[in-house]
Amino acid sequence: MFGRILNRMREKVRTRQYIMTLHAEEEMNNDGLSIYDVEHVILTGKIVERQKDPITAE
């Protein structure tokens, strides 16, 4: 279901065509993660579900 999106994300990581925002860096630091951790998850992981905020529906 999300294969097309995940493949696009992987291609962007492989070709270094993405921007890590300041907010994303702050969240990574708060969770003790590095950019390499995030890249590894995108390249090797899978999307298991779609989540929405119950208040904002985002």
N, C-alpha and C. Protein backbone atom coordinates (compact mmCIF):
# COMPACT_ATOMS: atom_id res chain seq x y z
N MET A 1 0.81 -1.20 0.00
CA MET A 1 0.00 0.00 0.00
C MET A 1 0.86 1.27 0.00
N PHE A 2 1.90 1.25 0.81
CA PHE A 2 2.77 2.42 0.90
C PHE A 2 4.10 2.22 0.17
N GLY A 3 4.17 1.16 -0.61
CA GLY A 3 5.42 0.82 -1.29
C GLY A 3 5.96 1.92 -2.18
N ARG A 4 5.08 2.57 -2.91
CA ARG A 4 5.51 3.63 -3.82
C ARG A 4 6.13 4.79 -3.05
N ILE A 5 5.51 5.15 -1.94
CA ILE A 5 6.02 6.26 -1.12
C ILE A 5 7.36 5.88 -0.51
N LEU A 6 7.46 4.67 0.03
CA LEU A 6 8.70 4.23 0.65
C LEU A 6 9.83 4.15 -0.38
N ASN A 7 9.53 3.67 -1.56
CA ASN A 7 10.56 3.62 -2.61
C ASN A 7 11.05 5.01 -2.97
N ARG A 8 10.15 5.96 -3.02
CA ARG A 8 10.54 7.35 -3.32
C ARG A 8 11.43 7.91 -2.21
N MET A 9 11.06 7.64 -0.97
CA MET A 9 11.88 8.09 0.16
C MET A 9 13.27 7.47 0.11
N ARG A 10 13.32 6.18 -0.19
CA ARG A 10 14.62 5.49 -0.28
C ARG A 10 15.50 6.09 -1.36
N GLU A 11 14.90 6.38 -2.50
CA GLU A 11 15.67 6.98 -3.60
C GLU A 11 16.23 8.34 -3.18
N LYS A 12 15.45 9.12 -2.47
CA LYS A 12 15.91 10.43 -2.00
C LYS A 12 17.06 10.28 -1.02
N VAL A 13 17.00 9.28 -0.15
CA VAL A 13 18.10 9.05 0.80
C VAL A 13 19.34 8.60 0.04
N ARG A 14 19.18 7.65 -0.87
CA ARG A 14 20.34 7.13 -1.62
C ARG A 14 21.06 8.22 -2.42
N THR A 15 20.30 9.16 -2.96
CA THR A 15 20.89 10.21 -3.79
C THR A 15 21.13 11.51 -3.02
N ARG A 16 20.90 11.45 -1.71
CA ARG A 16 21.10 12.61 -0.82
C ARG A 16 20.29 13.82 -1.28
N GLN A 17 19.07 13.57 -1.73
CA GLN A 17 18.19 14.63 -2.20
C GLN A 17 17.08 14.89 -1.18
N TYR A 18 17.48 15.21 0.03
CA TYR A 18 16.51 15.55 1.06
C TYR A 18 17.10 16.61 1.97
N ILE A 19 16.26 17.26 2.71
CA ILE A 19 16.68 18.30 3.64
C ILE A 19 16.22 17.89 5.04
N MET A 20 17.14 17.89 5.97
CA MET A 20 16.80 17.62 7.36
C MET A 20 16.54 18.96 8.03
N THR A 21 15.33 19.16 8.49
CA THR A 21 14.96 20.44 9.09
C THR A 21 15.54 20.56 10.50
N LEU A 22 15.59 21.78 10.99
CA LEU A 22 16.04 22.03 12.35
C LEU A 22 15.14 21.30 13.35
N HIS A 23 13.85 21.33 13.10
CA HIS A 23 12.91 20.63 13.98
C HIS A 23 13.21 19.12 14.02
N ALA A 24 13.47 18.54 12.85
CA ALA A 24 13.78 17.11 12.79
C ALA A 24 15.07 16.80 13.55
N GLU A 25 16.07 17.65 13.41
CA GLU A 25 17.33 17.46 14.14
C GLU A 25 17.10 17.53 15.64
N GLU A 26 16.27 18.46 16.09
CA GLU A 26 15.97 18.58 17.52
C GLU A 26 15.27 17.32 18.02
N GLU A 27 14.33 16.81 17.25
CA GLU A 27 13.61 15.59 17.65
C GLU A 27 14.55 14.39 17.67
N MET A 28 15.46 14.29 16.69
CA MET A 28 16.44 13.21 16.69
C MET A 28 17.31 13.28 17.93
N ASN A 29 17.79 14.47 18.24
CA ASN A 29 18.63 14.65 19.43
C ASN A 29 17.87 14.27 20.70
N ASN A 30 16.61 14.66 20.79
CA ASN A 30 15.79 14.33 21.96
C ASN A 30 15.64 12.82 22.13
N ASP A 31 15.63 12.09 21.01
CA ASP A 31 15.47 10.64 21.05
C ASP A 31 16.80 9.89 20.99
N GLY A 32 17.91 10.62 20.97
CA GLY A 32 19.22 9.98 20.93
C GLY A 32 19.53 9.31 19.61
N LEU A 33 19.01 9.86 18.53
CA LEU A 33 19.22 9.29 17.20
C LEU A 33 20.12 10.18 16.36
N SER A 34 20.79 9.58 15.40
CA SER A 34 21.62 10.33 14.46
C SER A 34 20.96 10.27 13.08
N ILE A 35 21.46 11.07 12.17
CA ILE A 35 20.95 11.04 10.81
C ILE A 35 21.18 9.66 10.19
N TYR A 36 22.26 8.99 10.59
CA TYR A 36 22.54 7.65 10.07
C TYR A 36 21.49 6.65 10.54
N ASP A 37 21.00 6.81 11.77
CA ASP A 37 19.92 5.95 12.27
C ASP A 37 18.66 6.14 11.42
N VAL A 38 18.31 7.37 11.14
CA VAL A 38 17.11 7.67 10.36
C VAL A 38 17.25 7.13 8.94
N GLU A 39 18.40 7.35 8.32
CA GLU A 39 18.63 6.83 6.97
C GLU A 39 18.54 5.30 6.96
N HIS A 40 19.13 4.65 7.95
CA HIS A 40 19.11 3.19 8.01
C HIS A 40 17.67 2.66 8.09
N VAL A 41 16.86 3.29 8.91
CA VAL A 41 15.46 2.86 9.05
C VAL A 41 14.72 3.04 7.73
N ILE A 42 14.93 4.15 7.06
CA ILE A 42 14.25 4.37 5.78
C ILE A 42 14.69 3.34 4.75
N LEU A 43 15.98 3.04 4.72
CA LEU A 43 16.51 2.12 3.71
C LEU A 43 16.18 0.65 3.99
N THR A 44 15.97 0.29 5.25
CA THR A 44 15.77 -1.12 5.57
C THR A 44 14.42 -1.44 6.21
N GLY A 45 13.68 -0.43 6.62
CA GLY A 45 12.43 -0.67 7.34
C GLY A 45 11.23 -0.78 6.43
N LYS A 46 10.07 -0.83 7.05
CA LYS A 46 8.82 -0.87 6.29
C LYS A 46 7.77 -0.03 7.01
N ILE A 47 6.80 0.44 6.26
CA ILE A 47 5.69 1.20 6.82
C ILE A 47 4.63 0.19 7.23
N VAL A 48 4.25 0.19 8.51
CA VAL A 48 3.30 -0.80 8.98
C VAL A 48 1.89 -0.23 9.17
N GLU A 49 1.79 1.08 9.36
CA GLU A 49 0.48 1.68 9.51
C GLU A 49 0.56 3.18 9.32
N ARG A 50 -0.58 3.76 9.03
CA ARG A 50 -0.70 5.21 8.92
C ARG A 50 -1.30 5.71 10.23
N GLN A 51 -0.70 6.74 10.79
CA GLN A 51 -1.18 7.29 12.05
C GLN A 51 -1.69 8.70 11.85
N LYS A 52 -2.77 9.03 12.56
CA LYS A 52 -3.32 10.38 12.51
C LYS A 52 -3.48 10.90 13.93
N ASP A 53 -3.23 12.17 14.08
CA ASP A 53 -3.49 12.83 15.36
C ASP A 53 -4.99 12.90 15.54
N PRO A 54 -5.52 12.43 16.67
CA PRO A 54 -6.98 12.42 16.85
C PRO A 54 -7.60 13.83 16.92
N ILE A 55 -6.80 14.82 17.27
CA ILE A 55 -7.33 16.18 17.39
C ILE A 55 -7.24 16.94 16.07
N THR A 56 -6.05 16.91 15.45
CA THR A 56 -5.84 17.69 14.24
C THR A 56 -6.07 16.91 12.95
N ALA A 57 -6.13 15.59 13.06
CA ALA A 57 -6.27 14.69 11.90
C ALA A 57 -5.08 14.78 10.95
N GLU A 58 -3.95 15.26 11.44
CA GLU A 58 -2.73 15.32 10.63
C GLU A 58 -2.02 13.99 10.67
